Amino acid sequence: MITQETIPPTVDLRKYIDFKFFGERPHIRGRRVWVSMIAANAEANQWNIPHLAHEFTLTEEEVLAALLYYREHKAEIDRQDAEEQRLFDEMASTSSANEK
């Protein structure tokens, strides 16, 4: 039988994740470290949580919150990354066209 004691407590990600900077981009509260940056480095470099915490000077709890938030909102965050890359590419092409 499932009792209240056997259900793990829910993590309130708002304690760690904020949207104050960068418009809609989720980042670590009080820091300018995007959730997507942490998730991308975890995946691309196969960094574990202690290594991510060290590289970004975060607590392990902040890293775990970022990875959990990314997993829960992956489609939205990936859409934001793609749109930002598109805008960057557009600016770069406009800039190089103006230099010619």
C-alpha atoms as a PDB file:
ATOM      1  CA  MET A   1       0.000   0.000   0.000  1.00  0.00           C
ATOM      2  CA  ILE A   2       1.260   3.465  -0.892  1.00  0.00           C
ATOM      3  CA  THR A   3       1.313   5.850   2.021  1.00  0.00           C
ATOM      4  CA  GLN A   4       2.310   9.481   2.290  1.00  0.00           C
ATOM      5  CA  GLU A   5       5.669   8.368   3.724  1.00  0.00           C
ATOM      6  CA  THR A   6       6.516   6.268   0.636  1.00  0.00           C
ATOM      7  CA  ILE A   7       5.899   9.067  -1.874  1.00  0.00           C
ATOM      8  CA  PRO A   8       9.053  11.106  -2.381  1.00  0.00           C
ATOM      9  CA  PRO A   9       8.685  14.843  -1.858  1.00  0.00           C
ATOM     10  CA  THR A  10       8.258  16.960  -4.956  1.00  0.00           C
ATOM     11  CA  VAL A  11      11.125  19.262  -5.789  1.00  0.00           C
ATOM     12  CA  ASP A  12      10.074  22.870  -6.225  1.00  0.00           C
ATOM     13  CA  LEU A  13      12.260  23.874  -9.148  1.00  0.00           C
ATOM     14  CA  ARG A  14      11.339  27.550  -8.682  1.00  0.00           C
ATOM     15  CA  LYS A  15      13.853  27.552  -5.843  1.00  0.00           C
ATOM     16  CA  TYR A  16      16.614  26.988  -8.409  1.00  0.00           C
ATOM     17  CA  ILE A  17      15.262  28.064 -11.813  1.00  0.00           C
ATOM     18  CA  ASP A  18      14.417  31.642 -12.743  1.00  0.00           C
ATOM     19  CA  PHE A  19      13.418  33.677 -15.801  1.00  0.00           C
ATOM     20  CA  LYS A  20      14.563  37.132 -14.620  1.00  0.00           C
ATOM     21  CA  PHE A  21      17.348  37.459 -17.203  1.00  0.00           C
ATOM     22  CA  PHE A  22      17.270  36.541 -20.895  1.00  0.00           C
ATOM     23  CA  GLY A  23      13.521  36.916 -21.383  1.00  0.00           C
ATOM     24  CA  GLU A  24      11.943  33.481 -21.377  1.00  0.00           C
ATOM     25  CA  ARG A  25      15.238  31.586 -21.091  1.00  0.00           C
ATOM     26  CA  PRO A  26      15.317  29.452 -17.949  1.00  0.00           C
ATOM     27  CA  HIS A  27      18.520  29.862 -15.955  1.00  0.00           C
ATOM     28  CA  ILE A  28      19.880  29.201 -12.496  1.00  0.00           C
ATOM     29  CA  ARG A  29      18.360  31.633 -10.005  1.00  0.00           C
ATOM     30  CA  GLY A  30      20.771  34.457  -9.213  1.00  0.00           C
ATOM     31  CA  ARG A  31      23.147  33.377 -11.955  1.00  0.00           C
ATOM     32  CA  ARG A  32      23.317  33.865 -15.692  1.00  0.00           C
ATOM     33  CA  VAL A  33      23.823  30.196 -16.468  1.00  0.00           C
ATOM     34  CA  TRP A  34      21.210  28.826 -18.852  1.00  0.00           C
ATOM     35  CA  VAL A  35      19.578  25.485 -18.163  1.00  0.00           C
ATOM     36  CA  SER A  36      20.297  24.569 -21.785  1.00  0.00           C
ATOM     37  CA  MET A  37      24.037  25.242 -21.323  1.00  0.00           C
ATOM     38  CA  ILE A  38      24.188  22.803 -18.432  1.00  0.00           C
ATOM     39  CA  ALA A  39      22.177  20.164 -20.299  1.00  0.00           C
ATOM     40  CA  ALA A  40      24.238  20.569 -23.488  1.00  0.00           C
ATOM     41  CA  ASN A  41      27.522  20.131 -21.620  1.00  0.00           C
ATOM     42  CA  ALA A  42      26.189  17.147 -19.716  1.00  0.00           C
ATOM     43  CA  GLU A  43      25.284  15.455 -22.985  1.00  0.00           C
ATOM     44  CA  ALA A  44      28.086  16.554 -25.325  1.00  0.00           C
ATOM     45  CA  ASN A  45      30.956  16.138 -22.866  1.00  0.00           C
ATOM     46  CA  GLN A  46      29.447  13.320 -20.778  1.00  0.00           C
ATOM     47  CA  TRP A  47      30.077  15.405 -17.660  1.00  0.00           C
ATOM     48  CA  ASN A  48      28.647  14.069 -14.422  1.00  0.00           C
ATOM     49  CA  ILE A  49      26.883  16.225 -11.858  1.00  0.00           C
ATOM     50  CA  PRO A  50      29.928  17.004  -9.684  1.00  0.00           C
ATOM     51  CA  HIS A  51      31.923  17.982 -12.790  1.00  0.00           C
ATOM     52  CA  LEU A  52      29.114  20.225 -14.070  1.00  0.00           C
ATOM     53  CA  ALA A  53      28.845  21.838 -10.636  1.00  0.00           C
ATOM     54  CA  HIS A  54      32.579  22.518 -10.638  1.00  0.00           C
ATOM     55  CA  GLU A  55      32.704  23.875 -14.199  1.00  0.00           C
ATOM     56  CA  PHE A  56      29.762  26.244 -13.705  1.00  0.00           C
ATOM     57  CA  THR A  57      30.530  27.004 -10.019  1.00  0.00           C
ATOM     58  CA  LEU A  58      27.100  25.755  -8.986  1.00  0.00           C
ATOM     59  CA  THR A  59      25.887  23.456  -6.265  1.00  0.00           C
ATOM     60  CA  GLU A  60      25.014  19.901  -7.200  1.00  0.00           C
ATOM     61  CA  GLU A  61      21.408  20.698  -6.283  1.00  0.00           C
ATOM     62  CA  GLU A  62      21.368  23.546  -8.824  1.00  0.00           C
ATOM     63  CA  VAL A  63      22.771  21.251 -11.511  1.00  0.00           C
ATOM     64  CA  LEU A  64      20.221  18.540 -10.718  1.00  0.00           C
ATOM     65  CA  ALA A  65      17.408  21.092 -10.827  1.00  0.00           C
ATOM     66  CA  ALA A  66      18.634  22.364 -14.212  1.00  0.00           C
ATOM     67  CA  LEU A  67      18.816  18.856 -15.658  1.00  0.00           C
ATOM     68  CA  LEU A  68      15.393  17.950 -14.312  1.00  0.00           C
ATOM     69  CA  TYR A  69      13.893  21.190 -15.609  1.00  0.00           C
ATOM     70  CA  TYR A  70      15.474  20.560 -19.006  1.00  0.00           C
ATOM     71  CA  ARG A  71      14.052  17.055 -19.145  1.00  0.00           C
ATOM     72  CA  GLU A  72      10.571  18.302 -18.248  1.00  0.00           C
ATOM     73  CA  HIS A  73      10.695  21.213 -20.749  1.00  0.00           C
ATOM     74  CA  LYS A  74      13.013  19.831 -23.444  1.00  0.00           C
ATOM     75  CA  ALA A  75      10.852  20.702 -26.453  1.00  0.00           C
ATOM     76  CA  GLU A  76      10.382  24.309 -25.348  1.00  0.00           C
ATOM     77  CA  ILE A  77      14.061  24.831 -24.489  1.00  0.00           C
ATOM     78  CA  ASP A  78      15.228  23.202 -27.730  1.00  0.00           C
ATOM     79  CA  ARG A  79      12.839  25.495 -29.636  1.00  0.00           C
ATOM     80  CA  GLN A  80      14.337  28.526 -27.875  1.00  0.00           C
ATOM     81  CA  ASP A  81      17.869  27.353 -28.739  1.00  0.00           C
ATOM     82  CA  ALA A  82      16.944  26.802 -32.396  1.00  0.00           C
ATOM     83  CA  GLU A  83      15.312  30.237 -32.659  1.00  0.00           C
ATOM     84  CA  GLU A  84      18.312  31.903 -31.064  1.00  0.00           C
ATOM     85  CA  GLN A  85      20.668  30.102 -33.462  1.00  0.00           C
ATOM     86  CA  ARG A  86      18.502  31.177 -36.410  1.00  0.00           C
ATOM     87  CA  LEU A  87      18.642  34.815 -35.290  1.00  0.00           C
ATOM     88  CA  PHE A  88      22.401  34.606 -34.778  1.00  0.00           C
ATOM     89  CA  ASP A  89      22.901  33.106 -38.233  1.00  0.00           C
ATOM     90  CA  GLU A  90      20.672  35.790 -39.750  1.00  0.00           C
ATOM     91  CA  MET A  91      22.660  38.564 -38.045  1.00  0.00           C
ATOM     92  CA  ALA A  92      25.951  37.011 -39.124  1.00  0.00           C
ATOM     93  CA  SER A  93      24.875  36.748 -42.736  1.00  0.00           C
ATOM     94  CA  THR A  94      23.559  40.335 -42.715  1.00  0.00           C
ATOM     95  CA  SER A  95      26.786  41.558 -41.148  1.00  0.00           C
ATOM     96  CA  SER A  96      29.010  39.771 -43.655  1.00  0.00           C
ATOM     97  CA  ALA A  97      26.849  41.024 -46.548  1.00  0.00           C
ATOM     98  CA  ASN A  98      27.256  44.600 -45.303  1.00  0.00           C
ATOM     99  CA  GLU A  99      31.056  44.223 -45.155  1.00  0.00           C
ATOM    100  CA  LYS A 100      31.297  43.409 -48.870  1.00  0.00           C
END
